[in-house]
N, C-alpha and C. Protein backbone atom coordinates (compact mmCIF):
# COMPACT_ATOMS: atom_id res chain seq x y z
N UNK A 1 -10.19 10.64 -15.46
CA UNK A 1 -10.99 9.44 -15.37
C UNK A 1 -10.81 8.83 -13.98
N UNK A 2 -11.91 8.48 -13.35
CA UNK A 2 -11.89 7.90 -12.01
C UNK A 2 -11.62 6.40 -12.08
N UNK A 3 -10.69 5.92 -11.23
CA UNK A 3 -10.42 4.47 -11.21
C UNK A 3 -11.69 3.68 -10.87
N UNK A 4 -11.82 2.49 -11.47
CA UNK A 4 -13.03 1.69 -11.29
C UNK A 4 -12.94 0.69 -10.15
N UNK A 5 -11.74 0.26 -9.81
CA UNK A 5 -11.59 -0.75 -8.77
C UNK A 5 -10.61 -0.27 -7.70
N UNK A 6 -10.60 -0.96 -6.56
CA UNK A 6 -9.65 -0.63 -5.51
C UNK A 6 -8.22 -0.85 -5.99
N UNK A 7 -8.03 -1.88 -6.79
CA UNK A 7 -6.70 -2.15 -7.35
C UNK A 7 -6.25 -0.97 -8.21
N UNK A 8 -7.16 -0.42 -9.00
CA UNK A 8 -6.84 0.75 -9.82
C UNK A 8 -6.52 1.97 -8.95
N UNK A 9 -7.24 2.11 -7.83
CA UNK A 9 -6.97 3.22 -6.90
C UNK A 9 -5.55 3.12 -6.36
N UNK A 10 -5.15 1.91 -5.96
CA UNK A 10 -3.81 1.69 -5.42
C UNK A 10 -2.76 1.98 -6.50
N UNK A 11 -2.97 1.49 -7.69
CA UNK A 11 -2.02 1.72 -8.78
C UNK A 11 -1.89 3.21 -9.08
N UNK A 12 -2.98 3.93 -9.15
CA UNK A 12 -2.94 5.37 -9.40
C UNK A 12 -2.20 6.09 -8.27
N UNK A 13 -2.44 5.69 -7.04
CA UNK A 13 -1.74 6.29 -5.90
C UNK A 13 -0.24 6.04 -6.02
N UNK A 14 0.15 4.81 -6.33
CA UNK A 14 1.57 4.48 -6.47
C UNK A 14 2.21 5.27 -7.61
N UNK A 15 1.52 5.41 -8.72
CA UNK A 15 2.05 6.17 -9.85
C UNK A 15 2.21 7.65 -9.47
N UNK A 16 1.23 8.18 -8.74
CA UNK A 16 1.23 9.59 -8.38
C UNK A 16 2.23 9.91 -7.28
N UNK A 17 2.25 9.12 -6.21
CA UNK A 17 3.04 9.44 -5.03
C UNK A 17 4.27 8.55 -4.82
N UNK A 18 4.34 7.40 -5.48
CA UNK A 18 5.49 6.52 -5.37
C UNK A 18 5.42 5.47 -4.28
N UNK A 19 4.73 5.78 -3.17
CA UNK A 19 4.61 4.81 -2.07
C UNK A 19 3.20 4.83 -1.51
N UNK A 20 2.88 3.75 -0.77
CA UNK A 20 1.60 3.69 -0.06
C UNK A 20 1.75 2.76 1.14
N UNK A 21 1.03 3.07 2.21
CA UNK A 21 0.98 2.22 3.40
C UNK A 21 -0.48 1.81 3.63
N UNK A 22 -0.67 0.84 4.49
CA UNK A 22 -2.02 0.39 4.81
C UNK A 22 -2.86 1.53 5.40
N UNK A 23 -2.25 2.33 6.25
CA UNK A 23 -2.98 3.43 6.87
C UNK A 23 -3.44 4.44 5.82
N UNK A 24 -2.59 4.75 4.86
CA UNK A 24 -2.99 5.66 3.77
C UNK A 24 -4.12 5.06 2.95
N UNK A 25 -4.02 3.76 2.66
CA UNK A 25 -5.06 3.10 1.87
C UNK A 25 -6.41 3.13 2.57
N UNK A 26 -6.40 2.94 3.89
CA UNK A 26 -7.64 2.96 4.66
C UNK A 26 -8.21 4.37 4.69
N UNK A 27 -7.37 5.35 5.02
CA UNK A 27 -7.83 6.74 5.16
C UNK A 27 -8.31 7.33 3.84
N UNK A 28 -7.54 7.13 2.78
CA UNK A 28 -7.83 7.78 1.51
C UNK A 28 -8.89 7.06 0.67
N UNK A 29 -8.90 5.72 0.72
CA UNK A 29 -9.73 4.96 -0.21
C UNK A 29 -10.64 3.93 0.44
N UNK A 30 -10.53 3.75 1.75
CA UNK A 30 -11.34 2.75 2.43
C UNK A 30 -10.91 1.33 2.11
N UNK A 31 -9.67 1.17 1.68
CA UNK A 31 -9.14 -0.15 1.32
C UNK A 31 -8.49 -0.77 2.56
N UNK A 32 -9.04 -1.89 3.02
CA UNK A 32 -8.52 -2.52 4.23
C UNK A 32 -7.61 -3.72 3.93
N UNK A 33 -7.59 -4.17 2.69
CA UNK A 33 -6.74 -5.32 2.32
C UNK A 33 -5.71 -4.91 1.28
N UNK A 34 -4.86 -3.96 1.65
CA UNK A 34 -3.87 -3.43 0.72
C UNK A 34 -2.94 -4.52 0.20
N UNK A 35 -2.50 -5.41 1.06
CA UNK A 35 -1.57 -6.47 0.64
C UNK A 35 -2.14 -7.30 -0.50
N UNK A 36 -3.45 -7.52 -0.49
CA UNK A 36 -4.10 -8.27 -1.57
C UNK A 36 -4.03 -7.50 -2.89
N UNK A 37 -4.27 -6.19 -2.83
CA UNK A 37 -4.21 -5.36 -4.05
C UNK A 37 -2.78 -5.32 -4.59
N UNK A 38 -1.80 -5.26 -3.70
CA UNK A 38 -0.39 -5.28 -4.12
C UNK A 38 -0.06 -6.62 -4.76
N UNK A 39 -0.55 -7.70 -4.17
CA UNK A 39 -0.34 -9.04 -4.74
C UNK A 39 -0.88 -9.11 -6.17
N UNK A 40 -2.09 -8.61 -6.36
CA UNK A 40 -2.71 -8.65 -7.70
C UNK A 40 -1.92 -7.81 -8.70
N UNK A 41 -1.45 -6.63 -8.27
CA UNK A 41 -0.67 -5.77 -9.16
C UNK A 41 0.66 -6.43 -9.52
N UNK A 42 1.30 -7.06 -8.55
CA UNK A 42 2.56 -7.76 -8.84
C UNK A 42 2.32 -8.91 -9.81
N UNK A 43 1.22 -9.60 -9.63
CA UNK A 43 0.86 -10.72 -10.51
C UNK A 43 0.67 -10.25 -11.96
N UNK A 44 0.24 -8.99 -12.10
CA UNK A 44 0.06 -8.40 -13.44
C UNK A 44 1.37 -7.87 -14.00
N UNK A 45 2.45 -7.95 -13.22
CA UNK A 45 3.76 -7.57 -13.73
C UNK A 45 4.30 -6.24 -13.25
N UNK A 46 3.60 -5.55 -12.35
CA UNK A 46 4.09 -4.28 -11.84
C UNK A 46 5.20 -4.53 -10.83
N UNK A 47 6.26 -3.72 -10.92
CA UNK A 47 7.42 -3.85 -10.04
C UNK A 47 7.18 -3.04 -8.78
N UNK A 48 6.71 -3.70 -7.73
CA UNK A 48 6.40 -3.05 -6.46
C UNK A 48 7.19 -3.75 -5.37
N UNK A 49 7.99 -2.96 -4.66
CA UNK A 49 8.77 -3.53 -3.56
C UNK A 49 8.08 -3.21 -2.24
N UNK A 50 8.47 -3.92 -1.21
CA UNK A 50 7.93 -3.65 0.12
C UNK A 50 9.08 -3.52 1.11
N UNK A 51 8.89 -2.63 2.06
CA UNK A 51 9.88 -2.41 3.10
C UNK A 51 9.15 -2.38 4.44
N UNK A 52 9.64 -3.16 5.39
CA UNK A 52 9.05 -3.15 6.72
C UNK A 52 9.65 -2.02 7.53
N UNK A 53 8.79 -1.18 8.09
CA UNK A 53 9.20 -0.07 8.93
C UNK A 53 8.84 -0.41 10.36
N UNK A 54 9.84 -0.42 11.24
CA UNK A 54 9.61 -0.75 12.64
C UNK A 54 9.34 0.52 13.44
N UNK A 55 8.47 0.38 14.44
CA UNK A 55 8.15 1.50 15.31
C UNK A 55 7.73 0.96 16.67
N UNK A 56 7.71 1.84 17.65
CA UNK A 56 7.23 1.47 18.99
C UNK A 56 5.74 1.82 19.06
N UNK A 57 4.93 0.85 19.46
CA UNK A 57 3.50 1.13 19.58
C UNK A 57 3.21 1.82 20.92
N UNK A 58 1.95 2.10 21.18
CA UNK A 58 1.60 2.86 22.39
C UNK A 58 1.92 2.13 23.69
N UNK A 59 2.17 0.84 23.60
CA UNK A 59 2.53 0.05 24.78
C UNK A 59 4.03 -0.13 24.93
N UNK A 60 4.79 0.47 24.00
CA UNK A 60 6.24 0.38 24.03
C UNK A 60 6.81 -0.85 23.35
N UNK A 61 5.95 -1.64 22.73
CA UNK A 61 6.40 -2.83 22.02
C UNK A 61 6.81 -2.47 20.59
N UNK A 62 7.79 -3.18 20.06
CA UNK A 62 8.20 -2.97 18.68
C UNK A 62 7.19 -3.65 17.76
N UNK A 63 6.75 -2.91 16.78
CA UNK A 63 5.82 -3.42 15.79
C UNK A 63 6.32 -2.96 14.42
N UNK A 64 5.64 -3.34 13.35
CA UNK A 64 6.06 -2.92 12.02
C UNK A 64 4.87 -2.82 11.08
N UNK A 65 5.09 -2.06 10.01
CA UNK A 65 4.11 -1.96 8.94
C UNK A 65 4.87 -1.92 7.61
N UNK A 66 4.20 -2.29 6.54
CA UNK A 66 4.85 -2.31 5.23
C UNK A 66 4.59 -1.01 4.48
N UNK A 67 5.64 -0.52 3.84
CA UNK A 67 5.53 0.57 2.89
C UNK A 67 5.79 -0.03 1.52
N UNK A 68 4.86 0.15 0.61
CA UNK A 68 5.01 -0.38 -0.74
C UNK A 68 5.48 0.72 -1.66
N UNK A 69 6.47 0.41 -2.51
CA UNK A 69 7.07 1.40 -3.39
C UNK A 69 6.99 0.92 -4.84
N UNK A 70 6.62 1.83 -5.73
CA UNK A 70 6.46 1.55 -7.16
C UNK A 70 7.67 2.07 -7.91
N UNK A 71 8.20 1.25 -8.82
CA UNK A 71 9.36 1.66 -9.65
C UNK A 71 8.92 1.95 -11.05
């Protein structure tokens, strides 16, 4: 059965793979507001943690992105 909403897409991805990032959400599902979908899932009672991953961007500056993990 195909998920009906973007929130359902994110939940299915988390159940299947365990984690998701904004870049994965954009590439795989065209979801540009991942944090909103995570907020809604948490509000429904799903246990989803977030971890900030730091990296150097193309200009050499430190930046970060969130990885969301489903338990």
